[in-house]
């Protein structure tokens, strides 16, 4: 997990008996939960949500037994953010954090955008606007090279343009990318028979 967490180290070389007066933590978006970790083996303790403001000396006296401690910000759908502090600072601390969207959410959003583009492509194909459909598909193929649906739609476009050989090539590619793509398999077999190609050898 630590490899997925951004770690910021704040160290000020001042005497250990001098502590910061106040700490203020803000995040974008707000309402991120704040945890304090005082020992590697200890469970994190929740101390509040952003925006957060408290007397740091009091916070340290309550939770911190060692010289170093960590604040961790957590919010659903975002990557955790950790900040390492020492007790060797005599300045007020203001921390503003821009939380990064989690990889899972980024992937979902990216796939949502792909679905929108594919619906547009299907409309273009149904409207027999094959040039624009193929231009979109060529762009999508560069961004999503392993999606069989893109190869299948390219095959369908070529088939409707009566370019059977290119259609077969892309139906084969679609099936190679996803052997569960039944429609691509059926069209592959159909066009191989139509062109007199031995299916067993291809």
N, C-alpha and C. Protein backbone atom coordinates (compact mmCIF):
# COMPACT_ATOMS: atom_id res chain seq x y z
N UNK A 1 0.82 -1.21 0.00
CA UNK A 1 0.00 0.00 0.00
C UNK A 1 0.85 1.27 0.00
N UNK A 2 2.04 1.21 0.68
CA UNK A 2 2.84 2.41 0.79
C UNK A 2 3.30 2.91 -0.56
N UNK A 3 3.43 1.99 -1.56
CA UNK A 3 3.85 2.42 -2.88
C UNK A 3 2.79 3.26 -3.57
N UNK A 4 1.53 3.17 -3.13
CA UNK A 4 0.44 3.92 -3.72
C UNK A 4 0.18 5.23 -2.98
N UNK A 5 0.95 5.47 -1.91
CA UNK A 5 0.67 6.62 -1.05
C UNK A 5 1.77 7.66 -1.19
N UNK A 6 1.40 8.88 -1.44
CA UNK A 6 2.35 9.97 -1.52
C UNK A 6 2.84 10.30 -0.11
N UNK A 7 4.14 10.42 0.03
CA UNK A 7 4.71 10.68 1.36
C UNK A 7 5.49 11.98 1.32
N UNK A 8 5.09 12.93 2.14
CA UNK A 8 5.75 14.22 2.22
C UNK A 8 6.42 14.33 3.57
N UNK A 9 7.70 14.66 3.58
CA UNK A 9 8.44 14.73 4.83
C UNK A 9 8.70 16.19 5.19
N UNK A 10 8.22 16.59 6.37
CA UNK A 10 8.45 17.94 6.86
C UNK A 10 9.37 17.87 8.06
N UNK A 11 10.58 18.35 7.92
CA UNK A 11 11.54 18.30 9.01
C UNK A 11 12.18 19.67 9.17
N UNK A 12 12.10 20.25 10.38
CA UNK A 12 12.76 21.51 10.67
C UNK A 12 13.71 21.27 11.84
N UNK A 13 14.98 21.54 11.65
CA UNK A 13 15.98 21.21 12.67
C UNK A 13 16.01 22.30 13.75
N UNK A 14 15.10 22.16 14.72
CA UNK A 14 15.04 23.06 15.87
C UNK A 14 15.02 22.20 17.13
N UNK A 15 15.27 22.79 18.29
CA UNK A 15 15.29 22.01 19.52
C UNK A 15 13.98 21.24 19.73
N UNK A 16 14.08 20.03 20.27
CA UNK A 16 12.93 19.16 20.40
C UNK A 16 11.92 19.66 21.43
N UNK A 17 12.31 20.59 22.29
CA UNK A 17 11.35 21.04 23.29
C UNK A 17 10.48 22.20 22.77
N UNK A 18 10.75 22.66 21.54
CA UNK A 18 9.95 23.74 20.97
C UNK A 18 8.98 23.15 19.95
N UNK A 19 7.67 23.35 20.14
CA UNK A 19 6.68 22.75 19.25
C UNK A 19 5.88 23.83 18.52
N UNK A 20 5.34 23.45 17.37
CA UNK A 20 4.49 24.39 16.62
C UNK A 20 3.24 24.70 17.42
N UNK A 21 2.73 25.91 17.25
CA UNK A 21 1.56 26.32 18.03
C UNK A 21 0.27 25.75 17.47
N UNK A 22 0.09 25.87 16.16
CA UNK A 22 -1.17 25.41 15.57
C UNK A 22 -0.91 24.64 14.29
N UNK A 23 -1.81 23.73 13.96
CA UNK A 23 -1.75 23.05 12.67
C UNK A 23 -3.11 23.21 11.99
N UNK A 24 -3.05 23.53 10.71
CA UNK A 24 -4.27 23.68 9.92
C UNK A 24 -4.12 22.83 8.66
N UNK A 25 -5.10 21.97 8.42
CA UNK A 25 -5.05 21.08 7.25
C UNK A 25 -6.31 21.30 6.41
N UNK A 26 -6.09 21.62 5.14
CA UNK A 26 -7.19 21.77 4.19
C UNK A 26 -7.00 20.76 3.06
N UNK A 27 -8.10 20.35 2.45
CA UNK A 27 -7.99 19.43 1.32
C UNK A 27 -8.98 19.80 0.24
N UNK A 28 -8.64 19.44 -0.95
CA UNK A 28 -9.54 19.58 -2.10
C UNK A 28 -9.70 18.21 -2.74
N UNK A 29 -10.91 17.60 -2.65
CA UNK A 29 -12.13 18.12 -2.02
C UNK A 29 -12.04 18.07 -0.48
N UNK A 30 -12.98 18.78 0.14
CA UNK A 30 -13.04 18.80 1.60
C UNK A 30 -13.64 17.50 2.14
N UNK A 31 -13.77 17.45 3.46
CA UNK A 31 -14.38 16.31 4.16
C UNK A 31 -13.51 15.05 4.07
N UNK A 32 -12.20 15.24 3.92
CA UNK A 32 -11.30 14.09 3.98
C UNK A 32 -11.06 13.75 5.44
N UNK A 33 -11.11 12.47 5.77
CA UNK A 33 -10.86 12.04 7.15
C UNK A 33 -9.37 12.12 7.44
N UNK A 34 -9.03 12.58 8.66
CA UNK A 34 -7.63 12.72 9.05
C UNK A 34 -7.32 11.71 10.15
N UNK A 35 -6.25 10.95 9.93
CA UNK A 35 -5.80 9.97 10.91
C UNK A 35 -4.38 10.33 11.32
N UNK A 36 -4.04 9.98 12.56
CA UNK A 36 -2.68 10.17 13.03
C UNK A 36 -2.09 8.80 13.32
N UNK A 37 -0.86 8.58 12.83
CA UNK A 37 -0.15 7.33 13.05
C UNK A 37 1.11 7.65 13.82
N UNK A 38 1.24 7.07 14.99
CA UNK A 38 2.37 7.40 15.85
C UNK A 38 3.38 6.27 15.94
N UNK A 39 3.03 5.10 15.43
CA UNK A 39 3.92 3.95 15.47
C UNK A 39 3.60 3.07 14.28
N UNK A 40 4.62 2.49 13.67
CA UNK A 40 4.41 1.67 12.46
C UNK A 40 3.45 0.52 12.71
N UNK A 41 3.48 -0.04 13.89
CA UNK A 41 2.62 -1.18 14.17
C UNK A 41 1.28 -0.81 14.78
N UNK A 42 1.11 0.46 15.14
CA UNK A 42 -0.12 0.88 15.81
C UNK A 42 -1.21 1.21 14.79
N UNK A 43 -2.47 1.04 15.23
CA UNK A 43 -3.61 1.37 14.37
C UNK A 43 -3.75 2.89 14.25
N UNK A 44 -4.07 3.40 13.06
CA UNK A 44 -4.29 4.84 12.90
C UNK A 44 -5.46 5.31 13.77
N UNK A 45 -5.36 6.50 14.30
CA UNK A 45 -6.43 7.08 15.12
C UNK A 45 -7.03 8.27 14.41
N UNK A 46 -8.36 8.24 14.22
CA UNK A 46 -9.03 9.33 13.53
C UNK A 46 -9.12 10.54 14.46
N UNK A 47 -8.72 11.72 13.92
CA UNK A 47 -8.76 12.93 14.75
C UNK A 47 -9.69 14.01 14.20
N UNK A 48 -10.28 13.78 13.03
CA UNK A 48 -11.20 14.78 12.49
C UNK A 48 -11.29 14.71 10.98
N UNK A 49 -11.88 15.77 10.40
CA UNK A 49 -12.02 15.89 8.95
C UNK A 49 -11.54 17.27 8.51
N UNK A 50 -11.19 17.37 7.25
CA UNK A 50 -10.81 18.67 6.71
C UNK A 50 -12.06 19.49 6.39
N UNK A 51 -11.97 20.82 6.56
CA UNK A 51 -10.83 21.59 7.07
C UNK A 51 -10.64 21.37 8.57
N UNK A 52 -9.38 21.30 8.98
CA UNK A 52 -9.04 20.91 10.35
C UNK A 52 -8.08 21.95 10.94
N UNK A 53 -8.31 22.32 12.19
CA UNK A 53 -7.42 23.28 12.86
C UNK A 53 -7.35 22.92 14.34
N UNK A 54 -6.13 22.81 14.86
CA UNK A 54 -5.99 22.44 16.27
C UNK A 54 -4.62 22.87 16.79
N UNK A 55 -4.52 22.96 18.09
CA UNK A 55 -3.26 23.24 18.75
C UNK A 55 -2.35 22.02 18.59
N UNK A 56 -1.22 22.20 17.94
CA UNK A 56 -0.35 21.06 17.63
C UNK A 56 0.31 20.50 18.89
N UNK A 57 0.66 21.38 19.83
CA UNK A 57 1.28 20.90 21.07
C UNK A 57 0.33 19.98 21.82
N UNK A 58 -0.94 20.37 21.86
CA UNK A 58 -1.95 19.53 22.52
C UNK A 58 -2.12 18.21 21.79
N UNK A 59 -2.10 18.27 20.46
CA UNK A 59 -2.25 17.06 19.66
C UNK A 59 -1.09 16.10 19.92
N UNK A 60 0.10 16.65 19.97
CA UNK A 60 1.28 15.83 20.21
C UNK A 60 1.25 15.22 21.61
N UNK A 61 0.89 16.03 22.60
CA UNK A 61 0.84 15.51 23.98
C UNK A 61 -0.19 14.40 24.11
N UNK A 62 -1.27 14.47 23.32
CA UNK A 62 -2.35 13.48 23.41
C UNK A 62 -1.99 12.18 22.73
N UNK A 63 -1.35 12.27 21.56
CA UNK A 63 -1.17 11.07 20.73
C UNK A 63 0.27 10.62 20.54
N UNK A 64 1.23 11.54 20.57
CA UNK A 64 2.58 11.21 20.11
C UNK A 64 3.51 10.87 21.27
N UNK A 65 4.14 9.70 21.14
CA UNK A 65 5.10 9.28 22.16
C UNK A 65 6.53 9.33 21.62
N UNK A 66 6.66 9.21 20.30
CA UNK A 66 7.99 9.25 19.70
C UNK A 66 8.21 10.60 19.02
N UNK A 67 9.41 10.75 18.44
CA UNK A 67 9.76 12.03 17.82
C UNK A 67 9.03 12.25 16.49
N UNK A 68 8.70 11.17 15.76
CA UNK A 68 8.06 11.28 14.46
C UNK A 68 6.62 10.79 14.52
N UNK A 69 5.78 11.37 13.70
CA UNK A 69 4.40 10.91 13.58
C UNK A 69 3.88 11.27 12.19
N UNK A 70 2.78 10.63 11.78
CA UNK A 70 2.26 10.79 10.41
C UNK A 70 0.80 11.18 10.45
N UNK A 71 0.44 12.16 9.61
CA UNK A 71 -0.97 12.45 9.35
C UNK A 71 -1.33 11.77 8.03
N UNK A 72 -2.47 11.11 8.02
CA UNK A 72 -2.95 10.48 6.77
C UNK A 72 -4.34 11.00 6.45
N UNK A 73 -4.54 11.45 5.21
CA UNK A 73 -5.85 11.91 4.75
C UNK A 73 -6.47 10.83 3.87
N UNK A 74 -7.73 10.53 4.16
CA UNK A 74 -8.43 9.50 3.38
C UNK A 74 -9.79 10.03 2.94
N UNK A 75 -10.14 9.73 1.71
CA UNK A 75 -11.47 10.05 1.20
C UNK A 75 -11.81 9.02 0.13
N UNK A 76 -13.03 8.48 0.18
CA UNK A 76 -13.44 7.45 -0.76
C UNK A 76 -13.32 7.97 -2.19
N UNK A 77 -12.71 7.15 -3.04
CA UNK A 77 -12.55 7.53 -4.44
C UNK A 77 -11.25 8.28 -4.72
N UNK A 78 -10.43 8.50 -3.66
CA UNK A 78 -9.18 9.24 -3.82
C UNK A 78 -8.03 8.45 -3.20
N UNK A 79 -6.82 8.72 -3.71
CA UNK A 79 -5.64 8.06 -3.16
C UNK A 79 -5.35 8.63 -1.76
N UNK A 80 -4.93 7.78 -0.83
CA UNK A 80 -4.53 8.27 0.50
C UNK A 80 -3.32 9.21 0.38
N UNK A 81 -3.21 10.13 1.31
CA UNK A 81 -2.12 11.11 1.30
C UNK A 81 -1.51 11.16 2.69
N UNK A 82 -0.20 10.94 2.77
CA UNK A 82 0.48 10.90 4.07
C UNK A 82 1.50 12.03 4.21
N UNK A 83 1.59 12.55 5.41
CA UNK A 83 2.55 13.60 5.72
C UNK A 83 3.29 13.20 6.99
N UNK A 84 4.62 13.16 6.91
CA UNK A 84 5.45 12.81 8.06
C UNK A 84 5.95 14.07 8.75
N UNK A 85 5.72 14.15 10.07
CA UNK A 85 6.15 15.29 10.87
C UNK A 85 7.16 14.83 11.92
N UNK A 86 7.97 15.78 12.38
CA UNK A 86 8.76 15.58 13.59
C UNK A 86 8.29 16.62 14.62
N UNK A 87 8.70 16.45 15.85
CA UNK A 87 8.33 17.40 16.89
C UNK A 87 9.32 18.56 16.95
N UNK A 88 10.10 18.76 15.89
CA UNK A 88 11.15 19.78 15.92
C UNK A 88 10.78 20.98 15.06
N UNK A 89 9.63 21.56 15.30
CA UNK A 89 9.20 22.75 14.57
C UNK A 89 8.54 23.73 15.52
N UNK A 90 8.83 25.02 15.34
CA UNK A 90 8.20 26.02 16.21
C UNK A 90 7.34 26.99 15.41
N UNK A 91 6.90 26.59 14.22
CA UNK A 91 6.09 27.43 13.36
C UNK A 91 4.69 26.87 13.25
N UNK A 92 3.72 27.77 13.03
CA UNK A 92 2.38 27.29 12.70
C UNK A 92 2.46 26.53 11.38
N UNK A 93 1.74 25.42 11.30
CA UNK A 93 1.78 24.58 10.11
C UNK A 93 0.47 24.70 9.35
N UNK A 94 0.56 25.06 8.07
CA UNK A 94 -0.61 25.09 7.19
C UNK A 94 -0.36 24.14 6.04
N UNK A 95 -1.23 23.16 5.91
CA UNK A 95 -1.06 22.14 4.87
C UNK A 95 -2.29 22.14 3.97
N UNK A 96 -2.08 22.36 2.68
CA UNK A 96 -3.17 22.32 1.69
C UNK A 96 -2.90 21.16 0.73
N UNK A 97 -3.82 20.22 0.66
CA UNK A 97 -3.62 18.99 -0.11
C UNK A 97 -4.66 18.87 -1.22
N UNK A 98 -4.18 18.65 -2.44
CA UNK A 98 -5.07 18.31 -3.55
C UNK A 98 -5.07 16.80 -3.69
N UNK A 99 -6.16 16.17 -3.29
CA UNK A 99 -6.23 14.71 -3.34
C UNK A 99 -6.38 14.24 -4.78
N UNK A 100 -5.68 13.17 -5.10
CA UNK A 100 -5.75 12.61 -6.45
C UNK A 100 -6.84 11.55 -6.53
N UNK A 101 -7.59 11.57 -7.61
CA UNK A 101 -8.62 10.57 -7.83
C UNK A 101 -7.96 9.20 -7.90
N UNK A 102 -8.59 8.20 -7.30
CA UNK A 102 -8.01 6.86 -7.26
C UNK A 102 -7.90 6.27 -8.66
N UNK A 103 -7.00 5.34 -8.82
CA UNK A 103 -6.79 4.70 -10.12
C UNK A 103 -8.05 4.00 -10.62
N UNK A 104 -8.80 3.40 -9.68
CA UNK A 104 -10.02 2.70 -10.07
C UNK A 104 -11.04 3.66 -10.66
N UNK A 105 -11.21 4.81 -10.02
CA UNK A 105 -12.17 5.80 -10.51
C UNK A 105 -11.71 6.36 -11.85
N UNK A 106 -10.41 6.61 -11.99
CA UNK A 106 -9.88 7.10 -13.26
C UNK A 106 -10.18 6.11 -14.38
N UNK A 107 -10.01 4.81 -14.09
CA UNK A 107 -10.26 3.78 -15.10
C UNK A 107 -11.72 3.75 -15.49
N UNK A 108 -12.61 3.86 -14.49
CA UNK A 108 -14.05 3.86 -14.77
C UNK A 108 -14.43 5.04 -15.64
N UNK A 109 -13.90 6.23 -15.31
CA UNK A 109 -14.21 7.42 -16.09
C UNK A 109 -13.70 7.28 -17.52
N UNK A 110 -12.52 6.70 -17.64
CA UNK A 110 -11.93 6.51 -18.98
C UNK A 110 -12.81 5.57 -19.81
N UNK A 111 -13.30 4.52 -19.18
CA UNK A 111 -14.15 3.57 -19.90
C UNK A 111 -15.52 4.16 -20.21
N UNK A 112 -16.01 5.03 -19.33
CA UNK A 112 -17.27 5.73 -19.61
C UNK A 112 -17.13 6.57 -20.88
N UNK A 113 -15.99 7.27 -20.99
CA UNK A 113 -15.75 8.08 -22.18
C UNK A 113 -15.65 7.21 -23.43
N UNK A 114 -15.06 6.03 -23.28
CA UNK A 114 -14.97 5.10 -24.41
C UNK A 114 -16.36 4.68 -24.87
N UNK A 115 -17.25 4.39 -23.92
CA UNK A 115 -18.61 3.98 -24.27
C UNK A 115 -19.33 5.08 -25.05
N UNK A 116 -19.15 6.31 -24.63
CA UNK A 116 -19.77 7.45 -25.34
C UNK A 116 -19.27 7.51 -26.77
N UNK A 117 -17.95 7.35 -26.94
CA UNK A 117 -17.36 7.39 -28.28
C UNK A 117 -17.87 6.24 -29.14
N UNK A 118 -18.02 5.06 -28.54
CA UNK A 118 -18.50 3.90 -29.31
C UNK A 118 -19.95 4.07 -29.74
N UNK A 119 -20.77 4.68 -28.90
CA UNK A 119 -22.16 4.97 -29.29
C UNK A 119 -22.17 5.93 -30.48
N UNK A 120 -21.28 6.93 -30.45
CA UNK A 120 -21.19 7.87 -31.57
C UNK A 120 -20.78 7.16 -32.86
N UNK A 121 -19.83 6.23 -32.73
CA UNK A 121 -19.38 5.47 -33.89
C UNK A 121 -20.52 4.64 -34.47
N UNK A 122 -21.30 4.00 -33.61
CA UNK A 122 -22.42 3.19 -34.09
C UNK A 122 -23.44 4.05 -34.84
N UNK A 123 -23.68 5.27 -34.35
CA UNK A 123 -24.60 6.17 -35.04
C UNK A 123 -24.08 6.53 -36.43
N UNK A 124 -22.76 6.77 -36.51
CA UNK A 124 -22.15 7.09 -37.79
C UNK A 124 -22.25 5.92 -38.77
N UNK A 125 -22.04 4.71 -38.25
CA UNK A 125 -22.13 3.52 -39.11
C UNK A 125 -23.56 3.33 -39.62
N UNK A 126 -24.53 3.48 -38.70
CA UNK A 126 -25.94 3.33 -39.12
C UNK A 126 -26.32 4.40 -40.14
N UNK A 127 -25.72 5.58 -40.03
CA UNK A 127 -25.99 6.66 -40.98
C UNK A 127 -25.13 6.56 -42.23
N UNK A 128 -24.34 5.48 -42.34
CA UNK A 128 -23.47 5.22 -43.49
C UNK A 128 -22.41 6.31 -43.69
N UNK A 129 -22.05 6.96 -42.58
CA UNK A 129 -20.95 7.92 -42.61
C UNK A 129 -19.68 7.17 -42.23
N UNK A 130 -19.23 6.34 -43.16
CA UNK A 130 -18.15 5.41 -42.87
C UNK A 130 -16.79 6.11 -42.67
N UNK A 131 -16.58 7.21 -43.36
CA UNK A 131 -15.29 7.91 -43.24
C UNK A 131 -15.08 8.44 -41.83
N UNK A 132 -16.09 9.13 -41.28
CA UNK A 132 -15.97 9.66 -39.92
C UNK A 132 -15.93 8.53 -38.89
N UNK A 133 -16.71 7.49 -39.15
CA UNK A 133 -16.71 6.35 -38.23
C UNK A 133 -15.32 5.72 -38.16
N UNK A 134 -14.68 5.56 -39.32
CA UNK A 134 -13.36 4.94 -39.35
C UNK A 134 -12.31 5.84 -38.72
N UNK A 135 -12.43 7.15 -38.93
CA UNK A 135 -11.48 8.08 -38.30
C UNK A 135 -11.56 7.99 -36.78
N UNK A 136 -12.79 7.94 -36.24
CA UNK A 136 -12.95 7.80 -34.79
C UNK A 136 -12.38 6.48 -34.30
N UNK A 137 -12.66 5.41 -35.03
CA UNK A 137 -12.19 4.09 -34.63
C UNK A 137 -10.67 3.99 -34.66
N UNK A 138 -10.04 4.62 -35.65
CA UNK A 138 -8.58 4.62 -35.72
C UNK A 138 -7.98 5.31 -34.49
N UNK A 139 -8.60 6.41 -34.07
CA UNK A 139 -8.13 7.12 -32.87
C UNK A 139 -8.33 6.27 -31.62
N UNK A 140 -9.51 5.66 -31.51
CA UNK A 140 -9.80 4.83 -30.34
C UNK A 140 -8.89 3.61 -30.28
N UNK A 141 -8.55 3.07 -31.45
CA UNK A 141 -7.69 1.89 -31.49
C UNK A 141 -6.30 2.20 -30.93
N UNK A 142 -5.83 3.43 -31.13
CA UNK A 142 -4.53 3.83 -30.58
C UNK A 142 -4.59 3.95 -29.06
N UNK A 143 -5.72 4.46 -28.57
CA UNK A 143 -5.87 4.67 -27.12
C UNK A 143 -6.26 3.40 -26.37
N UNK A 144 -6.99 2.51 -27.06
CA UNK A 144 -7.48 1.28 -26.43
C UNK A 144 -7.15 0.09 -27.33
N UNK A 145 -5.87 -0.24 -27.48
CA UNK A 145 -5.47 -1.27 -28.45
C UNK A 145 -5.93 -2.69 -28.14
N UNK A 146 -6.36 -2.93 -26.90
CA UNK A 146 -6.71 -4.30 -26.51
C UNK A 146 -8.22 -4.54 -26.40
N UNK A 147 -9.04 -3.59 -26.86
CA UNK A 147 -10.49 -3.73 -26.78
C UNK A 147 -11.02 -4.35 -28.08
N UNK A 148 -11.59 -5.54 -27.96
CA UNK A 148 -12.05 -6.25 -29.15
C UNK A 148 -13.22 -5.55 -29.85
N UNK A 149 -14.03 -4.79 -29.09
CA UNK A 149 -15.19 -4.13 -29.66
C UNK A 149 -14.78 -3.12 -30.73
N UNK A 150 -13.62 -2.49 -30.56
CA UNK A 150 -13.15 -1.51 -31.54
C UNK A 150 -12.80 -2.20 -32.85
N UNK A 151 -12.08 -3.32 -32.74
CA UNK A 151 -11.75 -4.10 -33.94
C UNK A 151 -13.03 -4.63 -34.60
N UNK A 152 -14.01 -5.03 -33.78
CA UNK A 152 -15.27 -5.54 -34.33
C UNK A 152 -16.01 -4.45 -35.10
N UNK A 153 -16.04 -3.25 -34.57
CA UNK A 153 -16.73 -2.14 -35.25
C UNK A 153 -15.99 -1.74 -36.53
N UNK A 154 -14.66 -1.84 -36.51
CA UNK A 154 -13.92 -1.58 -37.74
C UNK A 154 -14.27 -2.64 -38.79
N UNK A 155 -14.37 -3.88 -38.34
CA UNK A 155 -14.74 -4.97 -39.26
C UNK A 155 -16.13 -4.74 -39.84
N UNK A 156 -17.06 -4.33 -38.98
CA UNK A 156 -18.43 -4.06 -39.43
C UNK A 156 -18.46 -2.93 -40.45
N UNK A 157 -17.66 -1.89 -40.18
CA UNK A 157 -17.60 -0.76 -41.11
C UNK A 157 -17.07 -1.20 -42.47
N UNK A 158 -15.99 -1.97 -42.47
CA UNK A 158 -15.45 -2.47 -43.74
C UNK A 158 -16.45 -3.39 -44.45
N UNK A 159 -17.15 -4.19 -43.68
CA UNK A 159 -18.14 -5.11 -44.28
C UNK A 159 -19.24 -4.31 -44.97
N UNK A 160 -19.71 -3.25 -44.32
CA UNK A 160 -20.76 -2.42 -44.92
C UNK A 160 -20.24 -1.62 -46.11
N UNK A 161 -18.92 -1.42 -46.14
CA UNK A 161 -18.29 -0.76 -47.30
C UNK A 161 -17.98 -1.78 -48.41
N UNK A 162 -18.36 -3.04 -48.14
CA UNK A 162 -18.17 -4.14 -49.09
C UNK A 162 -16.69 -4.48 -49.31
N UNK A 163 -15.87 -4.18 -48.31
CA UNK A 163 -14.47 -4.60 -48.34
C UNK A 163 -14.36 -5.84 -47.45
N UNK A 164 -14.71 -6.98 -48.02
CA UNK A 164 -14.86 -8.21 -47.25
C UNK A 164 -13.53 -8.69 -46.66
N UNK A 165 -12.45 -8.55 -47.40
CA UNK A 165 -11.17 -9.04 -46.92
C UNK A 165 -10.69 -8.26 -45.68
N UNK A 166 -10.83 -6.94 -45.71
CA UNK A 166 -10.45 -6.15 -44.54
C UNK A 166 -11.41 -6.43 -43.38
N UNK A 167 -12.69 -6.64 -43.71
CA UNK A 167 -13.66 -6.97 -42.66
C UNK A 167 -13.24 -8.26 -41.96
N UNK A 168 -12.87 -9.27 -42.75
CA UNK A 168 -12.43 -10.54 -42.18
C UNK A 168 -11.19 -10.35 -41.31
N UNK A 169 -10.26 -9.52 -41.78
CA UNK A 169 -9.03 -9.28 -41.03
C UNK A 169 -9.33 -8.73 -39.63
N UNK A 170 -10.28 -7.80 -39.56
CA UNK A 170 -10.60 -7.19 -38.26
C UNK A 170 -11.51 -8.07 -37.40
N UNK A 171 -12.35 -8.90 -38.04
CA UNK A 171 -13.12 -9.85 -37.23
C UNK A 171 -12.17 -10.86 -36.59
N UNK A 172 -11.16 -11.26 -37.34
CA UNK A 172 -10.15 -12.16 -36.78
C UNK A 172 -9.41 -11.50 -35.62
N UNK A 173 -9.05 -10.23 -35.82
CA UNK A 173 -8.35 -9.51 -34.75
C UNK A 173 -9.23 -9.38 -33.51
N UNK A 174 -10.50 -9.05 -33.73
CA UNK A 174 -11.43 -8.91 -32.61
C UNK A 174 -11.53 -10.22 -31.82
N UNK A 175 -11.65 -11.33 -32.54
CA UNK A 175 -11.77 -12.63 -31.88
C UNK A 175 -10.46 -13.00 -31.18
N UNK A 176 -9.33 -12.62 -31.78
CA UNK A 176 -8.03 -12.91 -31.15
C UNK A 176 -7.87 -12.13 -29.85
N UNK A 177 -8.41 -10.90 -29.81
CA UNK A 177 -8.33 -10.10 -28.60
C UNK A 177 -9.26 -10.61 -27.51
N UNK A 178 -10.39 -11.19 -27.92
CA UNK A 178 -11.36 -11.68 -26.95
C UNK A 178 -12.06 -12.91 -27.52
N UNK A 179 -11.64 -14.08 -27.08
CA UNK A 179 -12.20 -15.33 -27.61
C UNK A 179 -13.64 -15.55 -27.17
N UNK A 180 -14.17 -14.71 -26.26
CA UNK A 180 -15.57 -14.80 -25.86
C UNK A 180 -16.48 -13.92 -26.73
N UNK A 181 -15.90 -13.23 -27.69
CA UNK A 181 -16.68 -12.37 -28.57
C UNK A 181 -17.34 -13.25 -29.63
N UNK A 182 -18.56 -13.69 -29.32
CA UNK A 182 -19.28 -14.65 -30.19
C UNK A 182 -19.61 -14.03 -31.54
N UNK A 183 -20.04 -12.78 -31.56
CA UNK A 183 -20.42 -12.13 -32.82
C UNK A 183 -19.24 -12.06 -33.78
N UNK A 184 -18.07 -11.72 -33.27
CA UNK A 184 -16.89 -11.66 -34.13
C UNK A 184 -16.52 -13.05 -34.65
N UNK A 185 -16.67 -14.04 -33.81
CA UNK A 185 -16.37 -15.41 -34.24
C UNK A 185 -17.32 -15.86 -35.35
N UNK A 186 -18.59 -15.60 -35.18
CA UNK A 186 -19.57 -16.01 -36.19
C UNK A 186 -19.30 -15.33 -37.53
N UNK A 187 -19.00 -14.02 -37.47
CA UNK A 187 -18.71 -13.30 -38.71
C UNK A 187 -17.39 -13.75 -39.33
N UNK A 188 -16.43 -14.09 -38.51
CA UNK A 188 -15.14 -14.60 -38.99
C UNK A 188 -15.35 -15.88 -39.79
N UNK A 189 -16.10 -16.81 -39.20
CA UNK A 189 -16.37 -18.10 -39.85
C UNK A 189 -17.18 -17.89 -41.13
N UNK A 190 -18.19 -17.03 -41.05
CA UNK A 190 -19.05 -16.75 -42.22
C UNK A 190 -18.23 -16.20 -43.38
N UNK A 191 -17.36 -15.22 -43.12
CA UNK A 191 -16.58 -14.61 -44.19
C UNK A 191 -15.49 -15.54 -44.71
N UNK A 192 -14.94 -16.36 -43.84
CA UNK A 192 -13.97 -17.35 -44.30
C UNK A 192 -14.61 -18.33 -45.28
N UNK A 193 -15.81 -18.76 -44.98
CA UNK A 193 -16.52 -19.66 -45.89
C UNK A 193 -16.88 -18.93 -47.18
N UNK A 194 -17.29 -17.68 -47.05
CA UNK A 194 -17.67 -16.88 -48.22
C UNK A 194 -16.50 -16.70 -49.18
N UNK A 195 -15.28 -16.56 -48.58
CA UNK A 195 -14.08 -16.37 -49.38
C UNK A 195 -13.38 -17.67 -49.71
N UNK A 196 -13.97 -18.81 -49.28
CA UNK A 196 -13.39 -20.11 -49.57
C UNK A 196 -12.11 -20.37 -48.83
N UNK A 197 -12.00 -19.84 -47.62
CA UNK A 197 -10.80 -20.02 -46.80
C UNK A 197 -11.05 -21.14 -45.81
N UNK A 198 -10.03 -22.01 -45.66
CA UNK A 198 -10.12 -23.12 -44.72
C UNK A 198 -10.06 -22.57 -43.30
N UNK A 199 -11.19 -22.62 -42.58
CA UNK A 199 -11.29 -22.07 -41.23
C UNK A 199 -10.29 -22.72 -40.28
N UNK A 200 -10.05 -24.02 -40.42
CA UNK A 200 -9.18 -24.74 -39.51
C UNK A 200 -7.74 -24.26 -39.58
N UNK A 201 -7.37 -23.68 -40.72
CA UNK A 201 -5.97 -23.23 -40.89
C UNK A 201 -5.79 -21.77 -40.53
N UNK A 202 -6.89 -21.09 -40.12
CA UNK A 202 -6.78 -19.66 -39.84
C UNK A 202 -7.42 -19.34 -38.50
